[in-house]
mmCIF file of all heavy atoms, coordinates in Angstrom:
data_MODEL
# 
_entry.id   MODEL 
# 
loop_
_atom_site.group_PDB 
_atom_site.id 
_atom_site.type_symbol 
_atom_site.label_atom_id 
_atom_site.label_alt_id 
_atom_site.label_comp_id 
_atom_site.label_asym_id 
_atom_site.label_entity_id 
_atom_site.label_seq_id 
_atom_site.pdbx_PDB_ins_code 
_atom_site.Cartn_x 
_atom_site.Cartn_y 
_atom_site.Cartn_z 
_atom_site.occupancy 
_atom_site.B_iso_or_equiv 
_atom_site.pdbx_formal_charge 
_atom_site.auth_seq_id 
_atom_site.auth_comp_id 
_atom_site.auth_asym_id 
_atom_site.auth_atom_id 
_atom_site.pdbx_PDB_model_num 
ATOM 1   N N   . ALA A 1 1  ? 25.690 8.621  27.846 1.00 0.00 ? 1  ALA A N   1 
ATOM 2   C CA  . ALA A 1 1  ? 26.195 9.859  27.242 1.00 0.00 ? 1  ALA A CA  1 
ATOM 3   C C   . ALA A 1 1  ? 27.708 9.990  27.361 1.00 0.00 ? 1  ALA A C   1 
ATOM 4   O O   . ALA A 1 1  ? 28.262 11.037 27.043 1.00 0.00 ? 1  ALA A O   1 
ATOM 5   C CB  . ALA A 1 1  ? 25.525 11.055 27.900 1.00 0.00 ? 1  ALA A CB  1 
ATOM 6   N N   . ARG A 1 2  ? 28.403 8.932  27.792 1.00 0.00 ? 2  ARG A N   1 
ATOM 7   C CA  . ARG A 1 2  ? 29.849 9.048  28.015 1.00 0.00 ? 2  ARG A CA  1 
ATOM 8   C C   . ARG A 1 2  ? 30.634 9.318  26.744 1.00 0.00 ? 2  ARG A C   1 
ATOM 9   O O   . ARG A 1 2  ? 31.598 10.084 26.769 1.00 0.00 ? 2  ARG A O   1 
ATOM 10  C CB  . ARG A 1 2  ? 30.380 7.803  28.713 1.00 0.00 ? 2  ARG A CB  1 
ATOM 11  C CG  . ARG A 1 2  ? 30.079 7.856  30.174 1.00 0.00 ? 2  ARG A CG  1 
ATOM 12  C CD  . ARG A 1 2  ? 30.909 6.890  30.964 1.00 0.00 ? 2  ARG A CD  1 
ATOM 13  N NE  . ARG A 1 2  ? 30.360 6.856  32.303 1.00 0.00 ? 2  ARG A NE  1 
ATOM 14  C CZ  . ARG A 1 2  ? 29.990 5.777  32.933 1.00 0.00 ? 2  ARG A CZ  1 
ATOM 15  N NH1 . ARG A 1 2  ? 30.160 4.596  32.362 1.00 0.00 ? 2  ARG A NH1 1 
ATOM 16  N NH2 . ARG A 1 2  ? 29.486 5.847  34.132 1.00 0.00 ? 2  ARG A NH2 1 
ATOM 17  N N   . THR A 1 3  ? 30.275 8.709  25.650 1.00 0.00 ? 3  THR A N   1 
ATOM 18  C CA  . THR A 1 3  ? 30.993 8.977  24.404 1.00 0.00 ? 3  THR A CA  1 
ATOM 19  C C   . THR A 1 3  ? 30.903 10.459 24.073 1.00 0.00 ? 3  THR A C   1 
ATOM 20  O O   . THR A 1 3  ? 31.901 11.084 23.708 1.00 0.00 ? 3  THR A O   1 
ATOM 21  C CB  . THR A 1 3  ? 30.431 8.130  23.248 1.00 0.00 ? 3  THR A CB  1 
ATOM 22  O OG1 . THR A 1 3  ? 30.580 6.747  23.586 1.00 0.00 ? 3  THR A OG1 1 
ATOM 23  C CG2 . THR A 1 3  ? 31.160 8.415  21.948 1.00 0.00 ? 3  THR A CG2 1 
ATOM 24  N N   . GLU A 1 4  ? 29.734 11.027 24.231 1.00 0.00 ? 4  GLU A N   1 
ATOM 25  C CA  . GLU A 1 4  ? 29.580 12.462 23.998 1.00 0.00 ? 4  GLU A CA  1 
ATOM 26  C C   . GLU A 1 4  ? 30.411 13.263 25.005 1.00 0.00 ? 4  GLU A C   1 
ATOM 27  O O   . GLU A 1 4  ? 31.058 14.244 24.654 1.00 0.00 ? 4  GLU A O   1 
ATOM 28  C CB  . GLU A 1 4  ? 28.117 12.867 24.115 1.00 0.00 ? 4  GLU A CB  1 
ATOM 29  C CG  . GLU A 1 4  ? 27.890 14.341 23.857 1.00 0.00 ? 4  GLU A CG  1 
ATOM 30  C CD  . GLU A 1 4  ? 26.438 14.755 23.975 1.00 0.00 ? 4  GLU A CD  1 
ATOM 31  O OE1 . GLU A 1 4  ? 25.553 13.883 24.098 1.00 0.00 ? 4  GLU A OE1 1 
ATOM 32  O OE2 . GLU A 1 4  ? 26.184 15.968 23.959 1.00 0.00 ? 4  GLU A OE2 1 
ATOM 33  N N   . GLY A 1 5  ? 30.429 12.820 26.261 1.00 0.00 ? 5  GLY A N   1 
ATOM 34  C CA  . GLY A 1 5  ? 31.224 13.502 27.275 1.00 0.00 ? 5  GLY A CA  1 
ATOM 35  C C   . GLY A 1 5  ? 32.705 13.495 26.941 1.00 0.00 ? 5  GLY A C   1 
ATOM 36  O O   . GLY A 1 5  ? 33.385 14.524 27.057 1.00 0.00 ? 5  GLY A O   1 
ATOM 37  N N   . PHE A 1 6  ? 33.215 12.341 26.518 1.00 0.00 ? 6  PHE A N   1 
ATOM 38  C CA  . PHE A 1 6  ? 34.627 12.258 26.131 1.00 0.00 ? 6  PHE A CA  1 
ATOM 39  C C   . PHE A 1 6  ? 34.906 13.123 24.906 1.00 0.00 ? 6  PHE A C   1 
ATOM 40  O O   . PHE A 1 6  ? 35.973 13.732 24.786 1.00 0.00 ? 6  PHE A O   1 
ATOM 41  C CB  . PHE A 1 6  ? 35.045 10.809 25.871 1.00 0.00 ? 6  PHE A CB  1 
ATOM 42  C CG  . PHE A 1 6  ? 34.995 9.933  27.086 1.00 0.00 ? 6  PHE A CG  1 
ATOM 43  C CD1 . PHE A 1 6  ? 34.443 8.663  27.017 1.00 0.00 ? 6  PHE A CD1 1 
ATOM 44  C CD2 . PHE A 1 6  ? 35.506 10.357 28.302 1.00 0.00 ? 6  PHE A CD2 1 
ATOM 45  C CE1 . PHE A 1 6  ? 34.410 7.849  28.135 1.00 0.00 ? 6  PHE A CE1 1 
ATOM 46  C CE2 . PHE A 1 6  ? 35.478 9.553  29.424 1.00 0.00 ? 6  PHE A CE2 1 
ATOM 47  C CZ  . PHE A 1 6  ? 34.921 8.291  29.346 1.00 0.00 ? 6  PHE A CZ  1 
ATOM 48  N N   . THR A 1 7  ? 33.947 13.195 24.000 1.00 0.00 ? 7  THR A N   1 
ATOM 49  C CA  . THR A 1 7  ? 34.102 14.032 22.813 1.00 0.00 ? 7  THR A CA  1 
ATOM 50  C C   . THR A 1 7  ? 34.173 15.498 23.199 1.00 0.00 ? 7  THR A C   1 
ATOM 51  O O   . THR A 1 7  ? 34.977 16.261 22.646 1.00 0.00 ? 7  THR A O   1 
ATOM 52  C CB  . THR A 1 7  ? 32.939 13.781 21.832 1.00 0.00 ? 7  THR A CB  1 
ATOM 53  O OG1 . THR A 1 7  ? 32.935 12.399 21.486 1.00 0.00 ? 7  THR A OG1 1 
ATOM 54  C CG2 . THR A 1 7  ? 33.079 14.616 20.577 1.00 0.00 ? 7  THR A CG2 1 
ATOM 55  N N   . TRP A 1 8  ? 33.372 15.916 24.177 1.00 0.00 ? 8  TRP A N   1 
ATOM 56  C CA  . TRP A 1 8  ? 33.425 17.297 24.641 1.00 0.00 ? 8  TRP A CA  1 
ATOM 57  C C   . TRP A 1 8  ? 34.783 17.618 25.256 1.00 0.00 ? 8  TRP A C   1 
ATOM 58  O O   . TRP A 1 8  ? 35.322 18.713 25.060 1.00 0.00 ? 8  TRP A O   1 
ATOM 59  C CB  . TRP A 1 8  ? 32.307 17.596 25.643 1.00 0.00 ? 8  TRP A CB  1 
ATOM 60  C CG  . TRP A 1 8  ? 31.002 17.916 24.972 1.00 0.00 ? 8  TRP A CG  1 
ATOM 61  C CD1 . TRP A 1 8  ? 29.882 17.143 24.946 1.00 0.00 ? 8  TRP A CD1 1 
ATOM 62  C CD2 . TRP A 1 8  ? 30.700 19.080 24.219 1.00 0.00 ? 8  TRP A CD2 1 
ATOM 63  N NE1 . TRP A 1 8  ? 28.895 17.753 24.222 1.00 0.00 ? 8  TRP A NE1 1 
ATOM 64  C CE2 . TRP A 1 8  ? 29.381 18.954 23.757 1.00 0.00 ? 8  TRP A CE2 1 
ATOM 65  C CE3 . TRP A 1 8  ? 31.423 20.221 23.882 1.00 0.00 ? 8  TRP A CE3 1 
ATOM 66  C CZ2 . TRP A 1 8  ? 28.752 19.931 22.994 1.00 0.00 ? 8  TRP A CZ2 1 
ATOM 67  C CZ3 . TRP A 1 8  ? 30.799 21.196 23.112 1.00 0.00 ? 8  TRP A CZ3 1 
ATOM 68  C CH2 . TRP A 1 8  ? 29.489 21.040 22.671 1.00 0.00 ? 8  TRP A CH2 1 
ATOM 69  N N   . VAL A 1 9  ? 35.359 16.671 25.997 1.00 0.00 ? 9  VAL A N   1 
ATOM 70  C CA  . VAL A 1 9  ? 36.690 16.887 26.574 1.00 0.00 ? 9  VAL A CA  1 
ATOM 71  C C   . VAL A 1 9  ? 37.713 17.070 25.456 1.00 0.00 ? 9  VAL A C   1 
ATOM 72  O O   . VAL A 1 9  ? 38.528 18.006 25.487 1.00 0.00 ? 9  VAL A O   1 
ATOM 73  C CB  . VAL A 1 9  ? 37.103 15.722 27.503 1.00 0.00 ? 9  VAL A CB  1 
ATOM 74  C CG1 . VAL A 1 9  ? 38.568 15.830 27.899 1.00 0.00 ? 9  VAL A CG1 1 
ATOM 75  C CG2 . VAL A 1 9  ? 36.227 15.692 28.741 1.00 0.00 ? 9  VAL A CG2 1 
ATOM 76  N N   . SER A 1 10 ? 37.675 16.196 24.458 1.00 0.00 ? 10 SER A N   1 
ATOM 77  C CA  . SER A 1 10 ? 38.616 16.306 23.334 1.00 0.00 ? 10 SER A CA  1 
ATOM 78  C C   . SER A 1 10 ? 38.424 17.615 22.580 1.00 0.00 ? 10 SER A C   1 
ATOM 79  O O   . SER A 1 10 ? 39.395 18.273 22.194 1.00 0.00 ? 10 SER A O   1 
ATOM 80  C CB  . SER A 1 10 ? 38.429 15.133 22.365 1.00 0.00 ? 10 SER A CB  1 
ATOM 81  O OG  . SER A 1 10 ? 38.723 13.921 23.016 1.00 0.00 ? 10 SER A OG  1 
ATOM 82  N N   . THR A 1 11 ? 37.178 18.000 22.373 1.00 0.00 ? 11 THR A N   1 
ATOM 83  C CA  . THR A 1 11 ? 36.884 19.254 21.688 1.00 0.00 ? 11 THR A CA  1 
ATOM 84  C C   . THR A 1 11 ? 37.395 20.443 22.492 1.00 0.00 ? 11 THR A C   1 
ATOM 85  O O   . THR A 1 11 ? 37.992 21.381 21.946 1.00 0.00 ? 11 THR A O   1 
ATOM 86  C CB  . THR A 1 11 ? 35.368 19.383 21.440 1.00 0.00 ? 11 THR A CB  1 
ATOM 87  O OG1 . THR A 1 11 ? 34.944 18.269 20.648 1.00 0.00 ? 11 THR A OG1 1 
ATOM 88  C CG2 . THR A 1 11 ? 35.023 20.682 20.739 1.00 0.00 ? 11 THR A CG2 1 
ATOM 89  N N   . ALA A 1 12 ? 37.184 20.410 23.809 1.00 0.00 ? 12 ALA A N   1 
ATOM 90  C CA  . ALA A 1 12 ? 37.642 21.509 24.664 1.00 0.00 ? 12 ALA A CA  1 
ATOM 91  C C   . ALA A 1 12 ? 39.164 21.618 24.646 1.00 0.00 ? 12 ALA A C   1 
ATOM 92  O O   . ALA A 1 12 ? 39.713 22.727 24.614 1.00 0.00 ? 12 ALA A O   1 
ATOM 93  C CB  . ALA A 1 12 ? 37.141 21.303 26.096 1.00 0.00 ? 12 ALA A CB  1 
ATOM 94  N N   . LEU A 1 13 ? 39.855 20.480 24.653 1.00 0.00 ? 13 LEU A N   1 
ATOM 95  C CA  . LEU A 1 13 ? 41.321 20.515 24.575 1.00 0.00 ? 13 LEU A CA  1 
ATOM 96  C C   . LEU A 1 13 ? 41.773 21.172 23.272 1.00 0.00 ? 13 LEU A C   1 
ATOM 97  O O   . LEU A 1 13 ? 42.629 22.049 23.273 1.00 0.00 ? 13 LEU A O   1 
ATOM 98  C CB  . LEU A 1 13 ? 41.904 19.110 24.693 1.00 0.00 ? 13 LEU A CB  1 
ATOM 99  C CG  . LEU A 1 13 ? 41.860 18.493 26.083 1.00 0.00 ? 13 LEU A CG  1 
ATOM 100 C CD1 . LEU A 1 13 ? 42.219 17.017 26.022 1.00 0.00 ? 13 LEU A CD1 1 
ATOM 101 C CD2 . LEU A 1 13 ? 42.781 19.231 27.023 1.00 0.00 ? 13 LEU A CD2 1 
ATOM 102 N N   . GLY A 1 14 ? 41.198 20.746 22.173 1.00 0.00 ? 14 GLY A N   1 
ATOM 103 C CA  . GLY A 1 14 ? 41.549 21.338 20.882 1.00 0.00 ? 14 GLY A CA  1 
ATOM 104 C C   . GLY A 1 14 ? 41.184 22.809 20.806 1.00 0.00 ? 14 GLY A C   1 
ATOM 105 O O   . GLY A 1 14 ? 41.955 23.635 20.305 1.00 0.00 ? 14 GLY A O   1 
ATOM 106 N N   . ALA A 1 15 ? 40.018 23.149 21.356 1.00 0.00 ? 15 ALA A N   1 
ATOM 107 C CA  . ALA A 1 15 ? 39.575 24.543 21.338 1.00 0.00 ? 15 ALA A CA  1 
ATOM 108 C C   . ALA A 1 15 ? 40.458 25.413 22.227 1.00 0.00 ? 15 ALA A C   1 
ATOM 109 O O   . ALA A 1 15 ? 40.568 26.618 21.997 1.00 0.00 ? 15 ALA A O   1 
ATOM 110 C CB  . ALA A 1 15 ? 38.120 24.637 21.787 1.00 0.00 ? 15 ALA A CB  1 
ATOM 111 N N   . GLY A 1 16 ? 41.091 24.823 23.216 1.00 0.00 ? 16 GLY A N   1 
ATOM 112 C CA  . GLY A 1 16 ? 42.011 25.584 24.050 1.00 0.00 ? 16 GLY A CA  1 
ATOM 113 C C   . GLY A 1 16 ? 43.399 25.669 23.457 1.00 0.00 ? 16 GLY A C   1 
ATOM 114 O O   . GLY A 1 16 ? 44.057 26.720 23.533 1.00 0.00 ? 16 GLY A O   1 
ATOM 115 N N   . PHE A 1 17 ? 43.866 24.568 22.869 1.00 0.00 ? 17 PHE A N   1 
ATOM 116 C CA  . PHE A 1 17 ? 45.212 24.553 22.287 1.00 0.00 ? 17 PHE A CA  1 
ATOM 117 C C   . PHE A 1 17 ? 45.349 25.533 21.129 1.00 0.00 ? 17 PHE A C   1 
ATOM 118 O O   . PHE A 1 17 ? 46.351 26.233 21.020 1.00 0.00 ? 17 PHE A O   1 
ATOM 119 C CB  . PHE A 1 17 ? 45.581 23.154 21.777 1.00 0.00 ? 17 PHE A CB  1 
ATOM 120 C CG  . PHE A 1 17 ? 45.876 22.163 22.850 1.00 0.00 ? 17 PHE A CG  1 
ATOM 121 C CD1 . PHE A 1 17 ? 45.526 20.834 22.685 1.00 0.00 ? 17 PHE A CD1 1 
ATOM 122 C CD2 . PHE A 1 17 ? 46.510 22.523 24.027 1.00 0.00 ? 17 PHE A CD2 1 
ATOM 123 C CE1 . PHE A 1 17 ? 45.801 19.900 23.666 1.00 0.00 ? 17 PHE A CE1 1 
ATOM 124 C CE2 . PHE A 1 17 ? 46.794 21.602 25.017 1.00 0.00 ? 17 PHE A CE2 1 
ATOM 125 C CZ  . PHE A 1 17 ? 46.438 20.282 24.836 1.00 0.00 ? 17 PHE A CZ  1 
ATOM 126 N N   . ALA A 1 18 ? 44.365 25.570 20.257 1.00 0.00 ? 18 ALA A N   1 
ATOM 127 C CA  . ALA A 1 18 ? 44.474 26.399 19.056 1.00 0.00 ? 18 ALA A CA  1 
ATOM 128 C C   . ALA A 1 18 ? 44.628 27.887 19.384 1.00 0.00 ? 18 ALA A C   1 
ATOM 129 O O   . ALA A 1 18 ? 45.608 28.512 18.963 1.00 0.00 ? 18 ALA A O   1 
ATOM 130 C CB  . ALA A 1 18 ? 43.286 26.154 18.128 1.00 0.00 ? 18 ALA A CB  1 
ATOM 131 N N   . PRO A 1 19 ? 43.713 28.493 20.143 1.00 0.00 ? 19 PRO A N   1 
ATOM 132 C CA  . PRO A 1 19 ? 43.923 29.906 20.454 1.00 0.00 ? 19 PRO A CA  1 
ATOM 133 C C   . PRO A 1 19 ? 45.110 30.129 21.383 1.00 0.00 ? 19 PRO A C   1 
ATOM 134 O O   . PRO A 1 19 ? 45.762 31.177 21.321 1.00 0.00 ? 19 PRO A O   1 
ATOM 135 C CB  . PRO A 1 19 ? 42.615 30.351 21.106 1.00 0.00 ? 19 PRO A CB  1 
ATOM 136 C CG  . PRO A 1 19 ? 41.931 29.113 21.519 1.00 0.00 ? 19 PRO A CG  1 
ATOM 137 C CD  . PRO A 1 19 ? 42.421 28.019 20.626 1.00 0.00 ? 19 PRO A CD  1 
ATOM 138 N N   . GLY A 1 20 ? 45.414 29.143 22.231 1.00 0.00 ? 20 GLY A N   1 
ATOM 139 C CA  . GLY A 1 20 ? 46.577 29.274 23.113 1.00 0.00 ? 20 GLY A CA  1 
ATOM 140 C C   . GLY A 1 20 ? 47.870 29.331 22.321 1.00 0.00 ? 20 GLY A C   1 
ATOM 141 O O   . GLY A 1 20 ? 48.754 30.152 22.617 1.00 0.00 ? 20 GLY A O   1 
ATOM 142 N N   . ALA A 1 21 ? 47.993 28.490 21.314 1.00 0.00 ? 21 ALA A N   1 
ATOM 143 C CA  . ALA A 1 21 ? 49.190 28.502 20.471 1.00 0.00 ? 21 ALA A CA  1 
ATOM 144 C C   . ALA A 1 21 ? 49.277 29.807 19.684 1.00 0.00 ? 21 ALA A C   1 
ATOM 145 O O   . ALA A 1 21 ? 50.355 30.392 19.550 1.00 0.00 ? 21 ALA A O   1 
ATOM 146 C CB  . ALA A 1 21 ? 49.173 27.310 19.520 1.00 0.00 ? 21 ALA A CB  1 
ATOM 147 N N   . TYR A 1 22 ? 48.137 30.259 19.192 1.00 0.00 ? 22 TYR A N   1 
ATOM 148 C CA  . TYR A 1 22 ? 48.113 31.533 18.474 1.00 0.00 ? 22 TYR A CA  1 
ATOM 149 C C   . TYR A 1 22 ? 48.542 32.676 19.394 1.00 0.00 ? 22 TYR A C   1 
ATOM 150 O O   . TYR A 1 22 ? 49.404 33.488 19.038 1.00 0.00 ? 22 TYR A O   1 
ATOM 151 C CB  . TYR A 1 22 ? 46.711 31.797 17.914 1.00 0.00 ? 22 TYR A CB  1 
ATOM 152 C CG  . TYR A 1 22 ? 46.548 33.194 17.377 1.00 0.00 ? 22 TYR A CG  1 
ATOM 153 C CD1 . TYR A 1 22 ? 47.049 33.525 16.116 1.00 0.00 ? 22 TYR A CD1 1 
ATOM 154 C CD2 . TYR A 1 22 ? 45.931 34.182 18.128 1.00 0.00 ? 22 TYR A CD2 1 
ATOM 155 C CE1 . TYR A 1 22 ? 46.920 34.815 15.623 1.00 0.00 ? 22 TYR A CE1 1 
ATOM 156 C CE2 . TYR A 1 22 ? 45.803 35.470 17.641 1.00 0.00 ? 22 TYR A CE2 1 
ATOM 157 C CZ  . TYR A 1 22 ? 46.301 35.784 16.386 1.00 0.00 ? 22 TYR A CZ  1 
ATOM 158 O OH  . TYR A 1 22 ? 46.179 37.059 15.907 1.00 0.00 ? 22 TYR A OH  1 
ATOM 159 N N   . LEU A 1 23 ? 47.952 32.724 20.588 1.00 0.00 ? 23 LEU A N   1 
ATOM 160 C CA  . LEU A 1 23 ? 48.268 33.793 21.533 1.00 0.00 ? 23 LEU A CA  1 
ATOM 161 C C   . LEU A 1 23 ? 49.744 33.747 21.935 1.00 0.00 ? 23 LEU A C   1 
ATOM 162 O O   . LEU A 1 23 ? 50.420 34.782 21.953 1.00 0.00 ? 23 LEU A O   1 
ATOM 163 C CB  . LEU A 1 23 ? 47.382 33.674 22.780 1.00 0.00 ? 23 LEU A CB  1 
ATOM 164 C CG  . LEU A 1 23 ? 47.625 34.691 23.887 1.00 0.00 ? 23 LEU A CG  1 
ATOM 165 C CD1 . LEU A 1 23 ? 47.353 36.108 23.393 1.00 0.00 ? 23 LEU A CD1 1 
ATOM 166 C CD2 . LEU A 1 23 ? 46.744 34.363 25.087 1.00 0.00 ? 23 LEU A CD2 1 
ATOM 167 N N   . ALA A 1 24 ? 50.252 32.561 22.226 1.00 0.00 ? 24 ALA A N   1 
ATOM 168 C CA  . ALA A 1 24 ? 51.665 32.439 22.597 1.00 0.00 ? 24 ALA A CA  1 
ATOM 169 C C   . ALA A 1 24 ? 52.567 32.907 21.462 1.00 0.00 ? 24 ALA A C   1 
ATOM 170 O O   . ALA A 1 24 ? 53.554 33.616 21.693 1.00 0.00 ? 24 ALA A O   1 
ATOM 171 C CB  . ALA A 1 24 ? 51.991 30.998 22.982 1.00 0.00 ? 24 ALA A CB  1 
ATOM 172 N N   . GLY A 1 25 ? 52.230 32.540 20.246 1.00 0.00 ? 25 GLY A N   1 
ATOM 173 C CA  . GLY A 1 25 ? 53.024 32.980 19.094 1.00 0.00 ? 25 GLY A CA  1 
ATOM 174 C C   . GLY A 1 25 ? 53.015 34.486 18.936 1.00 0.00 ? 25 GLY A C   1 
ATOM 175 O O   . GLY A 1 25 ? 54.048 35.098 18.672 1.00 0.00 ? 25 GLY A O   1 
ATOM 176 N N   . ARG A 1 26 ? 51.852 35.087 19.105 1.00 0.00 ? 26 ARG A N   1 
ATOM 177 C CA  . ARG A 1 26 ? 51.755 36.552 19.002 1.00 0.00 ? 26 ARG A CA  1 
ATOM 178 C C   . ARG A 1 26 ? 52.573 37.225 20.103 1.00 0.00 ? 26 ARG A C   1 
ATOM 179 O O   . ARG A 1 26 ? 53.256 38.213 19.859 1.00 0.00 ? 26 ARG A O   1 
ATOM 180 C CB  . ARG A 1 26 ? 50.292 37.009 19.096 1.00 0.00 ? 26 ARG A CB  1 
ATOM 181 C CG  . ARG A 1 26 ? 49.414 36.516 17.965 1.00 0.00 ? 26 ARG A CG  1 
ATOM 182 C CD  . ARG A 1 26 ? 49.709 37.191 16.675 1.00 0.00 ? 26 ARG A CD  1 
ATOM 183 N NE  . ARG A 1 26 ? 49.424 38.617 16.838 1.00 0.00 ? 26 ARG A NE  1 
ATOM 184 C CZ  . ARG A 1 26 ? 49.764 39.540 15.977 1.00 0.00 ? 26 ARG A CZ  1 
ATOM 185 N NH1 . ARG A 1 26 ? 50.396 39.197 14.875 1.00 0.00 ? 26 ARG A NH1 1 
ATOM 186 N NH2 . ARG A 1 26 ? 49.487 40.794 16.186 1.00 0.00 ? 26 ARG A NH2 1 
ATOM 187 N N   . ILE A 1 27 ? 52.493 36.663 21.316 1.00 0.00 ? 27 ILE A N   1 
ATOM 188 C CA  . ILE A 1 27 ? 53.246 37.247 22.432 1.00 0.00 ? 27 ILE A CA  1 
ATOM 189 C C   . ILE A 1 27 ? 54.744 37.106 22.195 1.00 0.00 ? 27 ILE A C   1 
ATOM 190 O O   . ILE A 1 27 ? 55.510 38.039 22.434 1.00 0.00 ? 27 ILE A O   1 
ATOM 191 C CB  . ILE A 1 27 ? 52.823 36.609 23.768 1.00 0.00 ? 27 ILE A CB  1 
ATOM 192 C CG1 . ILE A 1 27 ? 51.382 37.023 24.100 1.00 0.00 ? 27 ILE A CG1 1 
ATOM 193 C CG2 . ILE A 1 27 ? 53.769 36.994 24.904 1.00 0.00 ? 27 ILE A CG2 1 
ATOM 194 C CD1 . ILE A 1 27 ? 50.766 36.256 25.238 1.00 0.00 ? 27 ILE A CD1 1 
ATOM 195 N N   . VAL A 1 28 ? 55.176 35.955 21.694 1.00 0.00 ? 28 VAL A N   1 
ATOM 196 C CA  . VAL A 1 28 ? 56.599 35.766 21.378 1.00 0.00 ? 28 VAL A CA  1 
ATOM 197 C C   . VAL A 1 28 ? 57.041 36.794 20.350 1.00 0.00 ? 28 VAL A C   1 
ATOM 198 O O   . VAL A 1 28 ? 58.094 37.421 20.493 1.00 0.00 ? 28 VAL A O   1 
ATOM 199 C CB  . VAL A 1 28 ? 56.872 34.331 20.872 1.00 0.00 ? 28 VAL A CB  1 
ATOM 200 C CG1 . VAL A 1 28 ? 58.255 34.221 20.257 1.00 0.00 ? 28 VAL A CG1 1 
ATOM 201 C CG2 . VAL A 1 28 ? 56.724 33.327 22.010 1.00 0.00 ? 28 VAL A CG2 1 
ATOM 202 N N   . ASP A 1 29 ? 56.244 36.978 19.297 1.00 0.00 ? 29 ASP A N   1 
ATOM 203 C CA  . ASP A 1 29 ? 56.592 37.948 18.259 1.00 0.00 ? 29 ASP A CA  1 
ATOM 204 C C   . ASP A 1 29 ? 56.660 39.369 18.794 1.00 0.00 ? 29 ASP A C   1 
ATOM 205 O O   . ASP A 1 29 ? 57.517 40.158 18.395 1.00 0.00 ? 29 ASP A O   1 
ATOM 206 C CB  . ASP A 1 29 ? 55.576 37.898 17.106 1.00 0.00 ? 29 ASP A CB  1 
ATOM 207 C CG  . ASP A 1 29 ? 55.712 36.648 16.269 1.00 0.00 ? 29 ASP A CG  1 
ATOM 208 O OD1 . ASP A 1 29 ? 56.744 35.952 16.389 1.00 0.00 ? 29 ASP A OD1 1 
ATOM 209 O OD2 . ASP A 1 29 ? 54.766 36.344 15.511 1.00 0.00 ? 29 ASP A OD2 1 
# 
């Protein structure tokens, strides 16, 4: 199941970056 595990890590990174960038942008504004 390692390929799936690595995919979950990549997905979690992307899922964190996207709202984090949005939130940071809103806070800057």
